[in-house]
Amino acid sequence: MAKVNIPVDLGSVQEAKPVPAGKYDLTIASVEETKSQKGFPQLVVSIGIDAHPEAPNLRHYVSLPSAGDEKAEMKALFLKRFMQGFNIPHEGMSFDTDDFPGARASL
């Protein structure tokens, strides 16, 4: 078997550490439109914890209401709460995912 050299000292690599429960300043890093395992539309949002670069980003799934979905009203309420928390503009039945990256909240 051949010896493999890499440009990183694996001895200095550390696992990311979660932060204690509490209120933090958060920034959305990215958002991706996708579908759930059951085929319903959803957003996958990556959220960073400001002032804690050692903490891993949070991955938050936001279910989107869709026609014929019996849980559409509940999903709409959770979506609205998320968007209000991050001050993401929304009006009527639309919003722009381009407004997500960089949005900030203290939650």
N, C-alpha and C. Protein backbone atom coordinates (compact mmCIF):
# COMPACT_ATOMS: atom_id res chain seq x y z
N MET A 1 0.84 -1.17 0.00
CA MET A 1 0.00 0.00 0.00
C MET A 1 0.89 1.24 0.00
N ALA A 2 0.50 2.28 -0.72
CA ALA A 2 1.31 3.49 -0.86
C ALA A 2 0.99 4.50 0.23
N LYS A 3 2.03 5.21 0.65
CA LYS A 3 1.86 6.28 1.63
C LYS A 3 1.27 7.49 0.91
N VAL A 4 0.25 8.14 1.52
CA VAL A 4 -0.41 9.30 0.93
C VAL A 4 -0.10 10.52 1.78
N ASN A 5 0.40 11.58 1.17
CA ASN A 5 0.66 12.83 1.86
C ASN A 5 -0.43 13.84 1.49
N ILE A 6 -0.90 14.56 2.49
CA ILE A 6 -1.91 15.61 2.27
C ILE A 6 -1.42 16.90 2.90
N PRO A 7 -1.92 18.06 2.46
CA PRO A 7 -1.43 19.34 2.98
C PRO A 7 -2.10 19.79 4.28
N VAL A 8 -2.62 18.84 5.08
CA VAL A 8 -3.31 19.17 6.32
C VAL A 8 -2.81 18.25 7.42
N ASP A 9 -2.52 18.82 8.60
CA ASP A 9 -2.12 18.02 9.76
C ASP A 9 -3.39 17.51 10.42
N LEU A 10 -3.71 16.25 10.25
CA LEU A 10 -4.94 15.69 10.81
C LEU A 10 -4.97 15.75 12.33
N GLY A 11 -3.83 15.85 12.96
CA GLY A 11 -3.78 15.97 14.41
C GLY A 11 -4.36 17.28 14.91
N SER A 12 -4.34 18.30 14.08
CA SER A 12 -4.85 19.61 14.51
C SER A 12 -6.31 19.83 14.11
N VAL A 13 -6.92 18.89 13.41
CA VAL A 13 -8.31 19.04 12.98
C VAL A 13 -9.23 18.75 14.17
N GLN A 14 -10.16 19.65 14.44
CA GLN A 14 -11.07 19.52 15.58
C GLN A 14 -12.52 19.41 15.09
N GLU A 15 -13.31 18.67 15.83
CA GLU A 15 -14.74 18.60 15.56
C GLU A 15 -15.37 19.95 15.91
N ALA A 16 -16.39 20.35 15.14
CA ALA A 16 -17.14 21.56 15.46
C ALA A 16 -17.91 21.32 16.76
N LYS A 17 -18.04 22.38 17.55
CA LYS A 17 -18.72 22.25 18.84
C LYS A 17 -20.02 23.06 18.82
N PRO A 18 -21.12 22.46 19.25
CA PRO A 18 -22.37 23.22 19.32
C PRO A 18 -22.30 24.26 20.43
N VAL A 19 -23.12 25.28 20.31
CA VAL A 19 -23.18 26.32 21.33
C VAL A 19 -24.24 25.95 22.36
N PRO A 20 -24.13 26.47 23.59
CA PRO A 20 -25.16 26.19 24.59
C PRO A 20 -26.50 26.80 24.18
N ALA A 21 -27.56 26.26 24.73
CA ALA A 21 -28.90 26.80 24.46
C ALA A 21 -28.94 28.27 24.85
N GLY A 22 -29.59 29.08 24.06
CA GLY A 22 -29.69 30.50 24.35
C GLY A 22 -30.10 31.28 23.13
N LYS A 23 -30.08 32.59 23.25
CA LYS A 23 -30.44 33.48 22.15
C LYS A 23 -29.16 33.93 21.46
N TYR A 24 -29.15 33.83 20.10
CA TYR A 24 -27.96 34.16 19.33
C TYR A 24 -28.31 35.01 18.12
N ASP A 25 -27.32 35.76 17.66
CA ASP A 25 -27.45 36.46 16.38
C ASP A 25 -27.13 35.46 15.29
N LEU A 26 -28.01 35.36 14.30
CA LEU A 26 -27.90 34.37 13.24
C LEU A 26 -27.88 35.04 11.88
N THR A 27 -27.21 34.42 10.92
CA THR A 27 -27.18 34.91 9.55
C THR A 27 -27.40 33.73 8.61
N ILE A 28 -28.32 33.91 7.66
CA ILE A 28 -28.57 32.87 6.68
C ILE A 28 -27.41 32.86 5.69
N ALA A 29 -26.78 31.69 5.54
CA ALA A 29 -25.66 31.54 4.62
C ALA A 29 -26.13 31.19 3.22
N SER A 30 -27.12 30.29 3.13
CA SER A 30 -27.60 29.86 1.82
C SER A 30 -29.00 29.26 1.94
N VAL A 31 -29.65 29.14 0.80
CA VAL A 31 -30.98 28.51 0.75
C VAL A 31 -31.05 27.70 -0.55
N GLU A 32 -31.70 26.57 -0.46
CA GLU A 32 -31.86 25.70 -1.63
C GLU A 32 -33.31 25.24 -1.70
N GLU A 33 -33.90 25.36 -2.87
CA GLU A 33 -35.25 24.85 -3.08
C GLU A 33 -35.14 23.37 -3.43
N THR A 34 -35.92 22.54 -2.76
CA THR A 34 -35.87 21.10 -2.98
C THR A 34 -37.23 20.50 -2.68
N LYS A 35 -37.31 19.20 -2.63
CA LYS A 35 -38.55 18.50 -2.28
C LYS A 35 -38.27 17.57 -1.11
N SER A 36 -39.28 17.39 -0.28
CA SER A 36 -39.17 16.48 0.86
C SER A 36 -39.18 15.04 0.36
N GLN A 37 -38.95 14.11 1.25
CA GLN A 37 -38.99 12.69 0.88
C GLN A 37 -40.36 12.29 0.35
N LYS A 38 -41.40 13.01 0.78
CA LYS A 38 -42.76 12.72 0.31
C LYS A 38 -43.11 13.52 -0.94
N GLY A 39 -42.16 14.29 -1.46
CA GLY A 39 -42.37 15.02 -2.70
C GLY A 39 -42.95 16.41 -2.55
N PHE A 40 -43.07 16.92 -1.33
CA PHE A 40 -43.60 18.26 -1.10
C PHE A 40 -42.47 19.29 -1.24
N PRO A 41 -42.78 20.50 -1.71
CA PRO A 41 -41.75 21.53 -1.85
C PRO A 41 -41.25 22.00 -0.48
N GLN A 42 -39.96 22.27 -0.42
CA GLN A 42 -39.38 22.78 0.82
C GLN A 42 -38.13 23.59 0.51
N LEU A 43 -37.70 24.34 1.51
CA LEU A 43 -36.44 25.07 1.44
C LEU A 43 -35.49 24.44 2.45
N VAL A 44 -34.24 24.33 2.08
CA VAL A 44 -33.20 23.90 3.01
C VAL A 44 -32.33 25.13 3.23
N VAL A 45 -32.34 25.63 4.48
CA VAL A 45 -31.67 26.88 4.80
C VAL A 45 -30.47 26.58 5.71
N SER A 46 -29.30 27.09 5.33
CA SER A 46 -28.10 26.96 6.14
C SER A 46 -27.94 28.26 6.92
N ILE A 47 -27.86 28.15 8.25
CA ILE A 47 -27.84 29.32 9.13
C ILE A 47 -26.59 29.28 10.00
N GLY A 48 -25.81 30.36 9.94
CA GLY A 48 -24.62 30.48 10.76
C GLY A 48 -24.91 31.21 12.06
N ILE A 49 -24.17 30.85 13.10
CA ILE A 49 -24.30 31.52 14.39
C ILE A 49 -23.18 32.55 14.47
N ASP A 50 -23.56 33.82 14.43
CA ASP A 50 -22.59 34.91 14.46
C ASP A 50 -21.73 34.82 15.73
N ALA A 51 -20.48 35.21 15.62
CA ALA A 51 -19.52 35.23 16.73
C ALA A 51 -19.17 33.84 17.24
N HIS A 52 -19.58 32.79 16.50
CA HIS A 52 -19.22 31.42 16.87
C HIS A 52 -18.82 30.65 15.61
N PRO A 53 -17.71 31.05 14.99
CA PRO A 53 -17.31 30.36 13.75
C PRO A 53 -16.94 28.89 13.97
N GLU A 54 -16.68 28.51 15.22
CA GLU A 54 -16.35 27.11 15.51
C GLU A 54 -17.59 26.22 15.53
N ALA A 55 -18.77 26.83 15.62
CA ALA A 55 -20.02 26.06 15.64
C ALA A 55 -20.44 25.72 14.21
N PRO A 56 -20.95 24.52 14.02
CA PRO A 56 -21.42 24.17 12.67
C PRO A 56 -22.66 24.97 12.31
N ASN A 57 -22.83 25.23 11.00
CA ASN A 57 -24.06 25.88 10.56
C ASN A 57 -25.24 24.96 10.86
N LEU A 58 -26.36 25.58 11.13
CA LEU A 58 -27.60 24.84 11.34
C LEU A 58 -28.23 24.59 9.99
N ARG A 59 -28.81 23.45 9.80
CA ARG A 59 -29.57 23.15 8.58
C ARG A 59 -31.04 23.13 8.99
N HIS A 60 -31.80 24.07 8.46
CA HIS A 60 -33.22 24.21 8.82
C HIS A 60 -34.08 23.94 7.60
N TYR A 61 -35.05 23.06 7.76
CA TYR A 61 -35.95 22.71 6.67
C TYR A 61 -37.24 23.49 6.84
N VAL A 62 -37.63 24.22 5.80
CA VAL A 62 -38.86 25.01 5.82
C VAL A 62 -39.81 24.39 4.80
N SER A 63 -40.86 23.76 5.29
CA SER A 63 -41.86 23.18 4.40
C SER A 63 -42.69 24.28 3.77
N LEU A 64 -42.95 24.16 2.49
CA LEU A 64 -43.75 25.15 1.78
C LEU A 64 -45.16 24.62 1.56
N PRO A 65 -46.16 25.47 1.79
CA PRO A 65 -47.53 25.03 1.52
C PRO A 65 -47.73 24.78 0.03
N SER A 66 -48.53 23.78 -0.28
CA SER A 66 -48.82 23.49 -1.68
C SER A 66 -50.28 23.08 -1.83
N ALA A 67 -50.81 23.20 -3.04
CA ALA A 67 -52.20 22.87 -3.32
C ALA A 67 -52.47 21.41 -2.96
N GLY A 68 -53.58 21.17 -2.28
CA GLY A 68 -53.96 19.81 -1.93
C GLY A 68 -53.26 19.26 -0.71
N ASP A 69 -52.44 20.04 -0.06
CA ASP A 69 -51.70 19.59 1.13
C ASP A 69 -52.56 19.88 2.35
N GLU A 70 -52.92 18.84 3.09
CA GLU A 70 -53.77 19.03 4.27
C GLU A 70 -53.07 19.81 5.38
N LYS A 71 -51.75 19.93 5.32
CA LYS A 71 -51.00 20.68 6.33
C LYS A 71 -50.57 22.06 5.82
N ALA A 72 -51.17 22.52 4.73
CA ALA A 72 -50.76 23.78 4.10
C ALA A 72 -50.89 24.97 5.04
N GLU A 73 -51.96 25.03 5.82
CA GLU A 73 -52.15 26.18 6.71
C GLU A 73 -51.08 26.24 7.79
N MET A 74 -50.76 25.09 8.37
CA MET A 74 -49.71 25.04 9.39
C MET A 74 -48.35 25.40 8.79
N LYS A 75 -48.07 24.88 7.59
CA LYS A 75 -46.80 25.18 6.92
C LYS A 75 -46.70 26.67 6.61
N ALA A 76 -47.83 27.28 6.21
CA ALA A 76 -47.84 28.71 5.92
C ALA A 76 -47.52 29.52 7.18
N LEU A 77 -48.05 29.11 8.31
CA LEU A 77 -47.78 29.81 9.57
C LEU A 77 -46.30 29.69 9.95
N PHE A 78 -45.73 28.50 9.84
CA PHE A 78 -44.31 28.32 10.16
C PHE A 78 -43.42 29.12 9.20
N LEU A 79 -43.78 29.14 7.92
CA LEU A 79 -43.03 29.92 6.93
C LEU A 79 -43.08 31.40 7.27
N LYS A 80 -44.27 31.89 7.61
CA LYS A 80 -44.43 33.31 7.95
C LYS A 80 -43.59 33.66 9.18
N ARG A 81 -43.61 32.82 10.19
CA ARG A 81 -42.81 33.08 11.41
C ARG A 81 -41.33 33.14 11.08
N PHE A 82 -40.86 32.22 10.25
CA PHE A 82 -39.45 32.19 9.87
C PHE A 82 -39.09 33.48 9.13
N MET A 83 -39.91 33.86 8.16
CA MET A 83 -39.61 35.04 7.36
C MET A 83 -39.68 36.32 8.19
N GLN A 84 -40.62 36.40 9.12
CA GLN A 84 -40.69 37.57 10.00
C GLN A 84 -39.48 37.61 10.93
N GLY A 85 -39.06 36.47 11.45
CA GLY A 85 -37.90 36.41 12.34
C GLY A 85 -36.64 36.92 11.68
N PHE A 86 -36.49 36.64 10.38
CA PHE A 86 -35.31 37.06 9.62
C PHE A 86 -35.57 38.31 8.78
N ASN A 87 -36.72 38.94 8.97
CA ASN A 87 -37.07 40.17 8.22
C ASN A 87 -36.93 39.98 6.71
N ILE A 88 -37.39 38.84 6.22
CA ILE A 88 -37.36 38.56 4.79
C ILE A 88 -38.65 39.10 4.17
N PRO A 89 -38.53 39.96 3.16
CA PRO A 89 -39.74 40.53 2.56
C PRO A 89 -40.64 39.45 1.96
N HIS A 90 -41.93 39.60 2.19
CA HIS A 90 -42.92 38.71 1.61
C HIS A 90 -44.22 39.49 1.46
N GLU A 91 -44.95 39.16 0.42
CA GLU A 91 -46.19 39.88 0.18
C GLU A 91 -47.18 38.93 -0.48
N GLY A 92 -48.37 38.86 0.09
CA GLY A 92 -49.39 38.01 -0.50
C GLY A 92 -48.93 36.57 -0.60
N MET A 93 -48.82 36.09 -1.82
CA MET A 93 -48.49 34.69 -2.05
C MET A 93 -47.09 34.49 -2.63
N SER A 94 -46.19 35.45 -2.42
CA SER A 94 -44.87 35.29 -3.02
C SER A 94 -43.76 35.87 -2.15
N PHE A 95 -42.56 35.37 -2.41
CA PHE A 95 -41.33 35.87 -1.80
C PHE A 95 -40.20 35.48 -2.73
N ASP A 96 -39.02 36.05 -2.51
CA ASP A 96 -37.87 35.80 -3.38
C ASP A 96 -36.77 35.13 -2.54
N THR A 97 -36.35 33.94 -2.93
CA THR A 97 -35.29 33.26 -2.16
C THR A 97 -33.96 34.00 -2.24
N ASP A 98 -33.82 34.92 -3.20
CA ASP A 98 -32.60 35.73 -3.26
C ASP A 98 -32.48 36.65 -2.06
N ASP A 99 -33.59 36.87 -1.34
CA ASP A 99 -33.58 37.72 -0.13
C ASP A 99 -33.12 36.95 1.12
N PHE A 100 -32.96 35.65 1.02
CA PHE A 100 -32.59 34.85 2.19
C PHE A 100 -31.11 35.00 2.58
N PRO A 101 -30.15 34.74 1.66
CA PRO A 101 -28.75 34.82 2.07
C PRO A 101 -28.40 36.22 2.61
N GLY A 102 -27.79 36.22 3.79
CA GLY A 102 -27.41 37.47 4.42
C GLY A 102 -28.47 38.01 5.38
N ALA A 103 -29.69 37.45 5.35
CA ALA A 103 -30.73 37.89 6.29
C ALA A 103 -30.30 37.53 7.70
N ARG A 104 -30.63 38.43 8.64
CA ARG A 104 -30.16 38.25 10.01
C ARG A 104 -31.32 38.23 10.98
N ALA A 105 -31.12 37.53 12.08
CA ALA A 105 -32.12 37.46 13.15
C ALA A 105 -31.42 37.27 14.47
N SER A 106 -32.10 37.59 15.53
CA SER A 106 -31.63 37.32 16.89
C SER A 106 -32.68 36.43 17.52
N LEU A 107 -32.36 35.14 17.59
CA LEU A 107 -33.34 34.16 18.07
C LEU A 107 -32.71 33.23 19.08
